[in-house]
PDB file of N, CA and C in Angstrom:
ATOM      1  N   MET A   1     111.820  81.463 124.866  1.00  0.00           N
ATOM      2  CA  MET A   1     110.813  81.422 125.933  1.00  0.00           C
ATOM      3  C   MET A   1     111.180  80.347 126.942  1.00  0.00           C
ATOM      4  N   ASN A   2     111.038  80.643 128.224  1.00  0.00           N
ATOM      5  CA  ASN A   2     111.224  79.608 129.238  1.00  0.00           C
ATOM      6  C   ASN A   2     109.893  78.836 129.442  1.00  0.00           C
ATOM      7  N   ASN A   3     109.965  77.784 130.215  1.00  0.00           N
ATOM      8  CA  ASN A   3     108.771  76.936 130.405  1.00  0.00           C
ATOM      9  C   ASN A   3     107.604  77.708 130.984  1.00  0.00           C
ATOM     10  N   LYS A   4     107.834  78.575 131.928  1.00  0.00           N
ATOM     11  CA  LYS A   4     106.727  79.340 132.547  1.00  0.00           C
ATOM     12  C   LYS A   4     106.080  80.266 131.493  1.00  0.00           C
ATOM     13  N   ASP A   5     106.881  80.838 130.621  1.00  0.00           N
ATOM     14  CA  ASP A   5     106.323  81.686 129.552  1.00  0.00           C
ATOM     15  C   ASP A   5     105.450  80.862 128.608  1.00  0.00           C
ATOM     16  N   ILE A   6     105.879  79.640 128.316  1.00  0.00           N
ATOM     17  CA  ILE A   6     105.102  78.770 127.450  1.00  0.00           C
ATOM     18  C   ILE A   6     103.772  78.436 128.147  1.00  0.00           C
ATOM     19  N   VAL A   7     103.816  78.138 129.417  1.00  0.00           N
ATOM     20  CA  VAL A   7     102.586  77.815 130.166  1.00  0.00           C
ATOM     21  C   VAL A   7     101.597  78.993 130.085  1.00  0.00           C
ATOM     22  N   ILE A   8     102.088  80.181 130.292  1.00  0.00           N
ATOM     23  CA  ILE A   8     101.225  81.384 130.205  1.00  0.00           C
ATOM     24  C   ILE A   8     100.688  81.552 128.775  1.00  0.00           C
ATOM     25  N   SER A   9     101.527  81.274 127.787  1.00  0.00           N
ATOM     26  CA  SER A   9     101.104  81.362 126.384  1.00  0.00           C
ATOM     27  C   SER A   9      99.979  80.368 126.103  1.00  0.00           C
ATOM     28  N   VAL A  10     100.086  79.155 126.611  1.00  0.00           N
ATOM     29  CA  VAL A  10      99.027  78.134 126.439  1.00  0.00           C
ATOM     30  C   VAL A  10      97.742  78.598 127.119  1.00  0.00           C
ATOM     31  N   CYS A  11      97.868  79.158 128.322  1.00  0.00           N
ATOM     32  CA  CYS A  11      96.663  79.663 129.023  1.00  0.00           C
ATOM     33  C   CYS A  11      95.992  80.763 128.225  1.00  0.00           C
ATOM     34  N   LYS A  12      96.788  81.612 127.617  1.00  0.00           N
ATOM     35  CA  LYS A  12      96.214  82.688 126.805  1.00  0.00           C
ATOM     36  C   LYS A  12      95.480  82.093 125.590  1.00  0.00           C
ATOM     37  N   ALA A  13      96.044  81.054 124.980  1.00  0.00           N
ATOM     38  CA  ALA A  13      95.404  80.393 123.836  1.00  0.00           C
ATOM     39  C   ALA A  13      94.064  79.799 124.273  1.00  0.00           C
ATOM     40  N   ILE A  14      94.019  79.216 125.449  1.00  0.00           N
ATOM     41  CA  ILE A  14      92.760  78.648 125.983  1.00  0.00           C
ATOM     42  C   ILE A  14      91.755  79.764 126.184  1.00  0.00           C
ATOM     43  N   ASP A  15      92.208  80.849 126.801  1.00  0.00           N
ATOM     44  CA  ASP A  15      91.332  81.997 127.064  1.00  0.00           C
ATOM     45  C   ASP A  15      90.819  82.611 125.750  1.00  0.00           C
ATOM     46  N   ASP A  16      91.659  82.652 124.726  1.00  0.00           N
ATOM     47  CA  ASP A  16      91.264  83.190 123.435  1.00  0.00           C
ATOM     48  C   ASP A  16      90.099  82.400 122.826  1.00  0.00           C
ATOM     49  N   LYS A  17      90.034  81.101 123.135  1.00  0.00           N
ATOM     50  CA  LYS A  17      88.945  80.256 122.623  1.00  0.00           C
ATOM     51  C   LYS A  17      87.839  80.072 123.663  1.00  0.00           C
ATOM     52  N   LYS A  18      87.807  80.959 124.659  1.00  0.00           N
ATOM     53  CA  LYS A  18      86.769  81.019 125.686  1.00  0.00           C
ATOM     54  C   LYS A  18      86.737  79.797 126.594  1.00  0.00           C
ATOM     55  N   GLY A  19      87.922  79.157 126.770  1.00  0.00           N
ATOM     56  CA  GLY A  19      88.011  78.090 127.763  1.00  0.00           C
ATOM     57  C   GLY A  19      87.763  78.683 129.148  1.00  0.00           C
ATOM     58  N   ARG A  20      87.248  77.863 130.036  1.00  0.00           N
ATOM     59  CA  ARG A  20      86.850  78.328 131.373  1.00  0.00           C
ATOM     60  C   ARG A  20      87.659  77.629 132.444  1.00  0.00           C
ATOM     61  N   ASN A  21      87.680  78.285 133.629  1.00  0.00           N
ATOM     62  CA  ASN A  21      88.250  77.703 134.839  1.00  0.00           C
ATOM     63  C   ASN A  21      89.666  77.123 134.597  1.00  0.00           C
ATOM     64  N   ILE A  22      90.537  77.995 134.106  1.00  0.00           N
ATOM     65  CA  ILE A  22      91.908  77.569 133.727  1.00  0.00           C
ATOM     66  C   ILE A  22      92.757  77.546 134.992  1.00  0.00           C
ATOM     67  N   GLU A  23      93.335  76.384 135.251  1.00  0.00           N
ATOM     68  CA  GLU A  23      94.203  76.221 136.410  1.00  0.00           C
ATOM     69  C   GLU A  23      95.561  75.668 135.990  1.00  0.00           C
ATOM     70  N   ILE A  24      96.592  76.199 136.617  1.00  0.00           N
ATOM     71  CA  ILE A  24      97.964  75.724 136.411  1.00  0.00           C
ATOM     72  C   ILE A  24      98.408  74.997 137.664  1.00  0.00           C
ATOM     73  N   LEU A  25      98.768  73.742 137.553  1.00  0.00           N
ATOM     74  CA  LEU A  25      99.319  72.966 138.664  1.00  0.00           C
ATOM     75  C   LEU A  25     100.812  72.839 138.448  1.00  0.00           C
ATOM     76  N   GLU A  26     101.585  73.241 139.436  1.00  0.00           N
ATOM     77  CA  GLU A  26     103.038  73.148 139.349  1.00  0.00           C
ATOM     78  C   GLU A  26     103.462  71.843 139.996  1.00  0.00           C
ATOM     79  N   LEU A  27     103.796  70.874 139.141  1.00  0.00           N
ATOM     80  CA  LEU A  27     104.057  69.521 139.605  1.00  0.00           C
ATOM     81  C   LEU A  27     105.547  69.224 139.826  1.00  0.00           C
ATOM     82  N   GLY A  28     106.439  70.133 139.459  1.00  0.00           N
ATOM     83  CA  GLY A  28     107.855  69.889 139.504  1.00  0.00           C
ATOM     84  C   GLY A  28     108.375  69.344 140.811  1.00  0.00           C
ATOM     85  N   GLU A  29     107.796  69.802 141.927  1.00  0.00           N
ATOM     86  CA  GLU A  29     108.251  69.368 143.257  1.00  0.00           C
ATOM     87  C   GLU A  29     107.528  68.119 143.768  1.00  0.00           C
ATOM     88  N   VAL A  30     106.425  67.716 143.117  1.00  0.00           N
ATOM     89  CA  VAL A  30     105.634  66.617 143.661  1.00  0.00           C
ATOM     90  C   VAL A  30     105.553  65.400 142.743  1.00  0.00           C
ATOM     91  N   SER A  31     106.060  65.510 141.500  1.00  0.00           N
ATOM     92  CA  SER A  31     105.938  64.424 140.558  1.00  0.00           C
ATOM     93  C   SER A  31     107.012  64.496 139.472  1.00  0.00           C
ATOM     94  N   LEU A  32     107.316  63.348 138.913  1.00  0.00           N
ATOM     95  CA  LEU A  32     108.234  63.288 137.787  1.00  0.00           C
ATOM     96  C   LEU A  32     107.503  63.268 136.443  1.00  0.00           C
ATOM     97  N   ILE A  33     106.189  63.249 136.478  1.00  0.00           N
ATOM     98  CA  ILE A  33     105.378  63.155 135.240  1.00  0.00           C
ATOM     99  C   ILE A  33     105.614  64.363 134.342  1.00  0.00           C
ATOM    100  N   ALA A  34     105.550  65.532 134.908  1.00  0.00           N
ATOM    101  CA  ALA A  34     105.685  66.770 134.154  1.00  0.00           C
ATOM    102  C   ALA A  34     105.980  67.893 135.138  1.00  0.00           C
ATOM    103  N   ASP A  35     106.427  69.031 134.652  1.00  0.00           N
ATOM    104  CA  ASP A  35     106.623  70.211 135.517  1.00  0.00           C
ATOM    105  C   ASP A  35     105.291  70.916 135.748  1.00  0.00           C
ATOM    106  N   TYR A  36     104.400  70.893 134.727  1.00  0.00           N
ATOM    107  CA  TYR A  36     103.147  71.634 134.815  1.00  0.00           C
ATOM    108  C   TYR A  36     101.997  70.823 134.238  1.00  0.00           C
ATOM    109  N   PHE A  37     100.832  70.946 134.854  1.00  0.00           N
ATOM    110  CA  PHE A  37      99.556  70.568 134.264  1.00  0.00           C
ATOM    111  C   PHE A  37      98.799  71.858 134.053  1.00  0.00           C
ATOM    112  N   ILE A  38      98.111  71.971 132.940  1.00  0.00           N
ATOM    113  CA  ILE A  38      97.099  73.003 132.768  1.00  0.00           C
ATOM    114  C   ILE A  38      95.791  72.232 132.629  1.00  0.00           C
ATOM    115  N   ILE A  39      94.789  72.658 133.408  1.00  0.00           N
ATOM    116  CA  ILE A  39      93.473  72.043 133.360  1.00  0.00           C
ATOM    117  C   ILE A  39      92.467  73.139 133.015  1.00  0.00           C
ATOM    118  N   CYS A  40      91.587  72.841 132.054  1.00  0.00           N
ATOM    119  CA  CYS A  40      90.586  73.828 131.674  1.00  0.00           C
ATOM    120  C   CYS A  40      89.308  73.108 131.232  1.00  0.00           C
ATOM    121  N   SER A  41      88.253  73.891 131.076  1.00  0.00           N
ATOM    122  CA  SER A  41      86.948  73.345 130.651  1.00  0.00           C
ATOM    123  C   SER A  41      86.459  74.042 129.404  1.00  0.00           C
ATOM    124  N   GLY A  42      85.761  73.277 128.600  1.00  0.00           N
ATOM    125  CA  GLY A  42      85.036  73.806 127.445  1.00  0.00           C
ATOM    126  C   GLY A  42      83.595  73.354 127.529  1.00  0.00           C
ATOM    127  N   ASN A  43      82.717  74.013 126.783  1.00  0.00           N
ATOM    128  CA  ASN A  43      81.274  73.738 126.874  1.00  0.00           C
ATOM    129  C   ASN A  43      80.819  72.588 126.020  1.00  0.00           C
ATOM    130  N   SER A  44      81.599  72.235 124.995  1.00  0.00           N
ATOM    131  CA  SER A  44      81.150  71.226 124.036  1.00  0.00           C
ATOM    132  C   SER A  44      82.324  70.566 123.360  1.00  0.00           C
ATOM    133  N   ARG A  45      82.064  69.549 122.602  1.00  0.00           N
ATOM    134  CA  ARG A  45      83.097  68.863 121.817  1.00  0.00           C
ATOM    135  C   ARG A  45      83.727  69.832 120.828  1.00  0.00           C
ATOM    136  N   ILE A  46      82.920  70.645 120.207  1.00  0.00           N
ATOM    137  CA  ILE A  46      83.439  71.612 119.243  1.00  0.00           C
ATOM    138  C   ILE A  46      84.403  72.581 119.921  1.00  0.00           C
ATOM    139  N   GLN A  47      84.033  73.069 121.103  1.00  0.00           N
ATOM    140  CA  GLN A  47      84.913  74.008 121.805  1.00  0.00           C
ATOM    141  C   GLN A  47      86.178  73.345 122.307  1.00  0.00           C
ATOM    142  N   THR A  48      86.108  72.145 122.874  1.00  0.00           N
ATOM    143  CA  THR A  48      87.335  71.504 123.370  1.00  0.00           C
ATOM    144  C   THR A  48      88.278  71.223 122.221  1.00  0.00           C
ATOM    145  N   ARG A  49      87.745  70.878 121.054  1.00  0.00           N
ATOM    146  CA  ARG A  49      88.604  70.652 119.890  1.00  0.00           C
ATOM    147  C   ARG A  49      89.193  71.966 119.366  1.00  0.00           C
ATOM    148  N   ALA A  50      88.418  73.034 119.407  1.00  0.00           N
ATOM    149  CA  ALA A  50      88.919  74.346 118.986  1.00  0.00           C
ATOM    150  C   ALA A  50      90.051  74.816 119.898  1.00  0.00           C
ATOM    151  N   ILE A  51      89.879  74.603 121.183  1.00  0.00           N
ATOM    152  CA  ILE A  51      90.961  74.943 122.148  1.00  0.00           C
ATOM    153  C   ILE A  51      92.205  74.140 121.837  1.00  0.00           C
ATOM    154  N   THR A  52      92.011  72.838 121.609  1.00  0.00           N
ATOM    155  CA  THR A  52      93.140  71.958 121.277  1.00  0.00           C
ATOM    156  C   THR A  52      93.867  72.422 120.025  1.00  0.00           C
ATOM    157  N   ASP A  53      93.114  72.715 118.981  1.00  0.00           N
ATOM    158  CA  ASP A  53      93.712  73.153 117.729  1.00  0.00           C
ATOM    159  C   ASP A  53      94.529  74.434 117.928  1.00  0.00           C
ATOM    160  N   LYS A  54      94.013  75.378 118.696  1.00  0.00           N
ATOM    161  CA  LYS A  54      94.693  76.636 118.949  1.00  0.00           C
ATOM    162  C   LYS A  54      96.002  76.394 119.715  1.00  0.00           C
ATOM    163  N   ILE A  55      95.953  75.549 120.735  1.00  0.00           N
ATOM    164  CA  ILE A  55      97.177  75.240 121.506  1.00  0.00           C
ATOM    165  C   ILE A  55      98.206  74.581 120.592  1.00  0.00           C
ATOM    166  N   GLU A  56      97.777  73.603 119.861  1.00  0.00           N
ATOM    167  CA  GLU A  56      98.731  72.882 118.960  1.00  0.00           C
ATOM    168  C   GLU A  56      99.366  73.822 117.961  1.00  0.00           C
ATOM    169  N   ASP A  57      98.588  74.711 117.363  1.00  0.00           N
ATOM    170  CA  ASP A  57      99.121  75.658 116.379  1.00  0.00           C
ATOM    171  C   ASP A  57     100.121  76.605 117.047  1.00  0.00           C
ATOM    172  N   ASP A  58      99.772  77.157 118.211  1.00  0.00           N
ATOM    173  CA  ASP A  58     100.672  78.086 118.921  1.00  0.00           C
ATOM    174  C   ASP A  58     101.958  77.403 119.352  1.00  0.00           C
ATOM    175  N   MET A  59     101.822  76.177 119.879  1.00  0.00           N
ATOM    176  CA  MET A  59     103.024  75.459 120.334  1.00  0.00           C
ATOM    177  C   MET A  59     103.938  75.139 119.144  1.00  0.00           C
ATOM    178  N   LYS A  60     103.349  74.732 118.032  1.00  0.00           N
ATOM    179  CA  LYS A  60     104.154  74.445 116.847  1.00  0.00           C
ATOM    180  C   LYS A  60     104.886  75.693 116.369  1.00  0.00           C
ATOM    181  N   ASP A  61     104.169  76.843 116.388  1.00  0.00           N
ATOM    182  CA  ASP A  61     104.788  78.128 116.002  1.00  0.00           C
ATOM    183  C   ASP A  61     105.962  78.484 116.910  1.00  0.00           C
ATOM    184  N   ASN A  62     105.942  78.022 118.154  1.00  0.00           N
ATOM    185  CA  ASN A  62     106.998  78.290 119.112  1.00  0.00           C
ATOM    186  C   ASN A  62     108.085  77.199 119.132  1.00  0.00           C
ATOM    187  N   GLY A  63     107.946  76.213 118.212  1.00  0.00           N
ATOM    188  CA  GLY A  63     108.961  75.190 118.083  1.00  0.00           C
ATOM    189  C   GLY A  63     108.792  73.984 118.991  1.00  0.00           C
ATOM    190  N   TYR A  64     107.588  73.770 119.537  1.00  0.00           N
ATOM    191  CA  TYR A  64     107.335  72.657 120.414  1.00  0.00           C
ATOM    192  C   TYR A  64     106.466  71.614 119.699  1.00  0.00           C
ATOM    193  N   ASP A  65     106.964  70.395 119.590  1.00  0.00           N
ATOM    194  CA  ASP A  65     106.197  69.305 118.990  1.00  0.00           C
ATOM    195  C   ASP A  65     105.507  68.531 120.072  1.00  0.00           C
ATOM    196  N   ILE A  66     104.333  68.101 119.797  1.00  0.00           N
ATOM    197  CA  ILE A  66     103.551  67.313 120.755  1.00  0.00           C
ATOM    198  C   ILE A  66     104.103  65.880 120.834  1.00  0.00           C
ATOM    199  N   SER A  67     104.183  65.349 122.055  1.00  0.00           N
ATOM    200  CA  SER A  67     104.610  63.968 122.237  1.00  0.00           C
ATOM    201  C   SER A  67     103.433  63.011 122.072  1.00  0.00           C
ATOM    202  N   ARG A  68     102.277  63.448 122.583  1.00  0.00           N
ATOM    203  CA  ARG A  68     101.099  62.571 122.563  1.00  0.00           C
ATOM    204  C   ARG A  68      99.828  63.387 122.656  1.00  0.00           C
ATOM    205  N   ARG A  69      98.815  62.957 121.926  1.00  0.00           N
ATOM    206  CA  ARG A  69      97.482  63.574 122.030  1.00  0.00           C
ATOM    207  C   ARG A  69      96.466  62.461 122.175  1.00  0.00           C
ATOM    208  N   GLU A  70      95.596  62.569 123.142  1.00  0.00           N
ATOM    209  CA  GLU A  70      94.545  61.568 123.383  1.00  0.00           C
ATOM    210  C   GLU A  70      93.184  62.231 123.501  1.00  0.00           C
ATOM    211  N   GLY A  71      92.155  61.551 123.076  1.00  0.00           N
ATOM    212  CA  GLY A  71      90.793  61.969 123.298  1.00  0.00           C
ATOM    213  C   GLY A  71      90.220  62.993 122.323  1.00  0.00           C
ATOM    214  N   TYR A  72      90.938  63.349 121.282  1.00  0.00           N
ATOM    215  CA  TYR A  72      90.490  64.394 120.386  1.00  0.00           C
ATOM    216  C   TYR A  72      89.188  64.045 119.682  1.00  0.00           C
ATOM    217  N   SER A  73      89.040  62.823 119.222  1.00  0.00           N
ATOM    218  CA  SER A  73      87.845  62.475 118.443  1.00  0.00           C
ATOM    219  C   SER A  73      86.584  62.549 119.293  1.00  0.00           C
ATOM    220  N   GLU A  74      86.684  62.165 120.579  1.00  0.00           N
ATOM    221  CA  GLU A  74      85.514  62.241 121.471  1.00  0.00           C
ATOM    222  C   GLU A  74      85.309  63.639 122.002  1.00  0.00           C
ATOM    223  N   GLY A  75      86.393  64.324 122.289  1.00  0.00           N
ATOM    224  CA  GLY A  75      86.329  65.716 122.754  1.00  0.00           C
ATOM    225  C   GLY A  75      85.827  65.921 124.166  1.00  0.00           C
ATOM    226  N   ARG A  76      85.742  64.859 124.935  1.00  0.00           N
ATOM    227  CA  ARG A  76      85.248  65.001 126.300  1.00  0.00           C
ATOM    228  C   ARG A  76      86.390  65.287 127.287  1.00  0.00           C
ATOM    229  N   TRP A  77      87.528  64.638 127.075  1.00  0.00           N
ATOM    230  CA  TRP A  77      88.758  64.887 127.831  1.00  0.00           C
ATOM    231  C   TRP A  77      89.897  64.731 126.827  1.00  0.00           C
ATOM    232  N   ILE A  78      90.481  65.832 126.448  1.00  0.00           N
ATOM    233  CA  ILE A  78      91.605  65.824 125.538  1.00  0.00           C
ATOM    234  C   ILE A  78      92.870  66.083 126.335  1.00  0.00           C
ATOM    235  N   LEU A  79      93.871  65.245 126.082  1.00  0.00           N
ATOM    236  CA  LEU A  79      95.160  65.366 126.746  1.00  0.00           C
ATOM    237  C   LEU A  79      96.213  65.664 125.712  1.00  0.00           C
ATOM    238  N   LEU A  80      97.011  66.707 125.993  1.00  0.00           N
ATOM    239  CA  LEU A  80      98.117  67.100 125.128  1.00  0.00           C
ATOM    240  C   LEU A  80      99.393  66.994 125.963  1.00  0.00           C
ATOM    241  N   ASP A  81     100.345  66.191 125.512  1.00  0.00           N
ATOM    242  CA  ASP A  81     101.567  65.952 126.273  1.00  0.00           C
ATOM    243  C   ASP A  81     102.739  66.581 125.544  1.00  0.00           C
ATOM    244  N   TYR A  82     103.370  67.561 126.177  1.00  0.00           N
ATOM    245  CA  TYR A  82     104.547  68.216 125.621  1.00  0.00           C
ATOM    246  C   TYR A  82     105.780  67.909 126.477  1.00  0.00           C
ATOM    247  N   GLY A  83     105.746  66.860 127.257  1.00  0.00           N
ATOM    248  CA  GLY A  83     106.875  66.488 128.109  1.00  0.00           C
ATOM    249  C   GLY A  83     106.870  67.255 129.401  1.00  0.00           C
ATOM    250  N   PHE A  84     107.349  68.504 129.415  1.00  0.00           N
ATOM    251  CA  PHE A  84     107.365  69.298 130.632  1.00  0.00           C
ATOM    252  C   PHE A  84     105.980  69.812 130.977  1.00  0.00           C
ATOM    253  N   LEU A  85     105.057  69.792 130.022  1.00  0.00           N
ATOM    254  CA  LEU A  85     103.709  70.353 130.190  1.00  0.00           C
ATOM    255  C   LEU A  85     102.683  69.360 129.647  1.00  0.00           C
ATOM    256  N   ILE A  86     101.664  69.107 130.465  1.00  0.00           N
ATOM    257  CA  ILE A  86     100.529  68.300 130.028  1.00  0.00           C
ATOM    258  C   ILE A  86      99.290  69.145 130.181  1.00  0.00           C
ATOM    259  N   VAL A  87      98.514  69.240 129.086  1.00  0.00           N
ATOM    260  CA  VAL A  87      97.292  70.048 129.091  1.00  0.00           C
ATOM    261  C   VAL A  87      96.115  69.117 129.067  1.00  0.00           C
ATOM    262  N   HIS A  88      95.162  69.369 129.978  1.00  0.00           N
ATOM    263  CA  HIS A  88      93.909  68.592 130.065  1.00  0.00           C
ATOM    264  C   HIS A  88      92.780  69.543 129.722  1.00  0.00           C
ATOM    265  N   ILE A  89      92.033  69.198 128.672  1.00  0.00           N
ATOM    266  CA  ILE A  89      90.934  70.014 128.200  1.00  0.00           C
ATOM    267  C   ILE A  89      89.669  69.174 128.367  1.00  0.00           C
ATOM    268  N   PHE A  90      88.839  69.541 129.294  1.00  0.00           N
ATOM    269  CA  PHE A  90      87.657  68.764 129.690  1.00  0.00           C
ATOM    270  C   PHE A  90      86.370  69.446 129.278  1.00  0.00           C
ATOM    271  N   GLN A  91      85.331  68.646 129.050  1.00  0.00           N
ATOM    272  CA  GLN A  91      83.993  69.136 129.193  1.00  0.00           C
ATOM    273  C   GLN A  91      83.677  69.039 130.695  1.00  0.00           C
ATOM    274  N   GLU A  92      82.851  69.934 131.181  1.00  0.00           N
ATOM    275  CA  GLU A  92      82.670  70.090 132.638  1.00  0.00           C
ATOM    276  C   GLU A  92      82.316  68.808 133.361  1.00  0.00           C
ATOM    277  N   GLU A  93      81.432  68.022 132.810  1.00  0.00           N
ATOM    278  CA  GLU A  93      80.991  66.766 133.439  1.00  0.00           C
ATOM    279  C   GLU A  93      82.169  65.826 133.692  1.00  0.00           C
ATOM    280  N   GLU A  94      83.049  65.709 132.687  1.00  0.00           N
ATOM    281  CA  GLU A  94      84.239  64.834 132.813  1.00  0.00           C
ATOM    282  C   GLU A  94      85.199  65.427 133.834  1.00  0.00           C
ATOM    283  N   ARG A  95      85.365  66.727 133.823  1.00  0.00           N
ATOM    284  CA  ARG A  95      86.283  67.350 134.760  1.00  0.00           C
ATOM    285  C   ARG A  95      85.840  67.118 136.195  1.00  0.00           C
ATOM    286  N   GLN A  96      84.573  67.246 136.479  1.00  0.00           N
ATOM    287  CA  GLN A  96      84.072  67.000 137.820  1.00  0.00           C
ATOM    288  C   GLN A  96      84.245  65.547 138.229  1.00  0.00           C
ATOM    289  N   PHE A  97      84.020  64.635 137.267  1.00  0.00           N
ATOM    290  CA  PHE A  97      84.147  63.204 137.571  1.00  0.00           C
ATOM    291  C   PHE A  97      85.565  62.831 137.930  1.00  0.00           C
ATOM    292  N   TYR A  98      86.522  63.245 137.130  1.00  0.00           N
ATOM    293  CA  TYR A  98      87.932  62.866 137.335  1.00  0.00           C
ATOM    294  C   TYR A  98      88.641  63.718 138.374  1.00  0.00           C
ATOM    295  N   ASN A  99      88.239  64.950 138.543  1.00  0.00           N
ATOM    296  CA  ASN A  99      88.748  65.844 139.595  1.00  0.00           C
ATOM    297  C   ASN A  99      90.251  65.766 139.779  1.00  0.00           C
ATOM    298  N   LEU A 100      90.991  66.046 138.728  1.00  0.00           N
ATOM    299  CA  LEU A 100      92.439  65.993 138.790  1.00  0.00           C
ATOM    300  C   LEU A 100      93.031  66.943 139.820  1.00  0.00           C
ATOM    301  N   GLU A 101      92.390  68.043 140.042  1.00  0.00           N
ATOM    302  CA  GLU A 101      92.868  68.982 141.039  1.00  0.00           C
ATOM    303  C   GLU A 101      92.960  68.322 142.423  1.00  0.00           C
ATOM    304  N   ARG A 102      92.001  67.479 142.737  1.00  0.00           N
ATOM    305  CA  ARG A 102      92.009  66.792 144.029  1.00  0.00           C
ATOM    306  C   ARG A 102      93.115  65.717 144.045  1.00  0.00           C
ATOM    307  N   LEU A 103      93.263  65.005 142.944  1.00  0.00           N
ATOM    308  CA  LEU A 103      94.303  63.964 142.853  1.00  0.00           C
ATOM    309  C   LEU A 103      95.696  64.517 143.026  1.00  0.00           C
ATOM    310  N   TRP A 104      95.909  65.735 142.533  1.00  0.00           N
ATOM    311  CA  TRP A 104      97.208  66.377 142.627  1.00  0.00           C
ATOM    312  C   TRP A 104      97.153  67.512 143.636  1.00  0.00           C
ATOM    313  N   GLY A 105      96.487  67.277 144.744  1.00  0.00           N
ATOM    314  CA  GLY A 105      96.253  68.304 145.767  1.00  0.00           C
ATOM    315  C   GLY A 105      97.502  68.855 146.409  1.00  0.00           C
ATOM    316  N   ASP A 106      98.631  68.139 146.334  1.00  0.00           N
ATOM    317  CA  ASP A 106      99.878  68.662 146.925  1.00  0.00           C
ATOM    318  C   ASP A 106     100.550  69.684 146.050  1.00  0.00           C
ATOM    319  N   ALA A 107     100.151  69.818 144.813  1.00  0.00           N
ATOM    320  CA  ALA A 107     100.774  70.751 143.864  1.00  0.00           C
ATOM    321  C   ALA A 107     100.228  72.151 144.049  1.00  0.00           C
ATOM    322  N   PRO A 108     101.119  73.142 144.019  1.00  0.00           N
ATOM    323  CA  PRO A 108     100.641  74.530 144.055  1.00  0.00           C
ATOM    324  C   PRO A 108      99.762  74.824 142.813  1.00  0.00           C
ATOM    325  N   VAL A 109      98.674  75.546 143.043  1.00  0.00           N
ATOM    326  CA  VAL A 109      97.710  75.831 141.953  1.00  0.00           C
ATOM    327  C   VAL A 109      97.643  77.346 141.753  1.00  0.00           C
ATOM    328  N   THR A 110      97.661  77.722 140.464  1.00  0.00           N
ATOM    329  CA  THR A 110      97.457  79.126 140.092  1.00  0.00           C
ATOM    330  C   THR A 110      96.253  79.159 139.169  1.00  0.00           C
ATOM    331  N   HIS A 111      95.334  80.095 139.438  1.00  0.00           N
ATOM    332  CA  HIS A 111      94.191  80.281 138.543  1.00  0.00           C
ATOM    333  C   HIS A 111      94.558  81.327 137.515  1.00  0.00           C
ATOM    334  N   TYR A 112      94.218  81.065 136.258  1.00  0.00           N
ATOM    335  CA  TYR A 112      94.484  82.016 135.195  1.00  0.00           C
ATOM    336  C   TYR A 112      93.182  82.656 134.741  1.00  0.00           C
ATOM    337  N   PRO A 113      93.116  83.943 134.536  1.00  0.00           N
ATOM    338  CA  PRO A 113      94.188  84.907 134.784  1.00  0.00           C
ATOM    339  C   PRO A 113      94.248  85.290 136.253  1.00  0.00           C
ATOM    340  N   GLU A 114      95.438  85.588 136.699  1.00  0.00           N
ATOM    341  CA  GLU A 114      95.595  86.052 138.089  1.00  0.00           C
ATOM    342  C   GLU A 114      96.559  87.183 138.135  1.00  0.00           C
TER     343      GLU A 114
END
């Protein structure tokens, strides 16, 4: 699988767990942090953690080990770092407050599914 296929696979995992407002930011041309951000919302701590668990299981099945995971115990903003891909799983209140889409406004954005 190439990186874009992995990104779509992660979006599908989020969608499978009823994650909402899934956006893919293509950062490769605007930042050295990662090639892609995926940003999504969950309704509760239980849901954000379920989304996280699904992503981690799918990525491990595809041979990708996580570099870093933050925020899992609180479940308000969970960050999963896979090097080329960083996934942000928010509860809606946190997502609105941090507004990463605005901070990375120069990056092309794709809404999933599209």
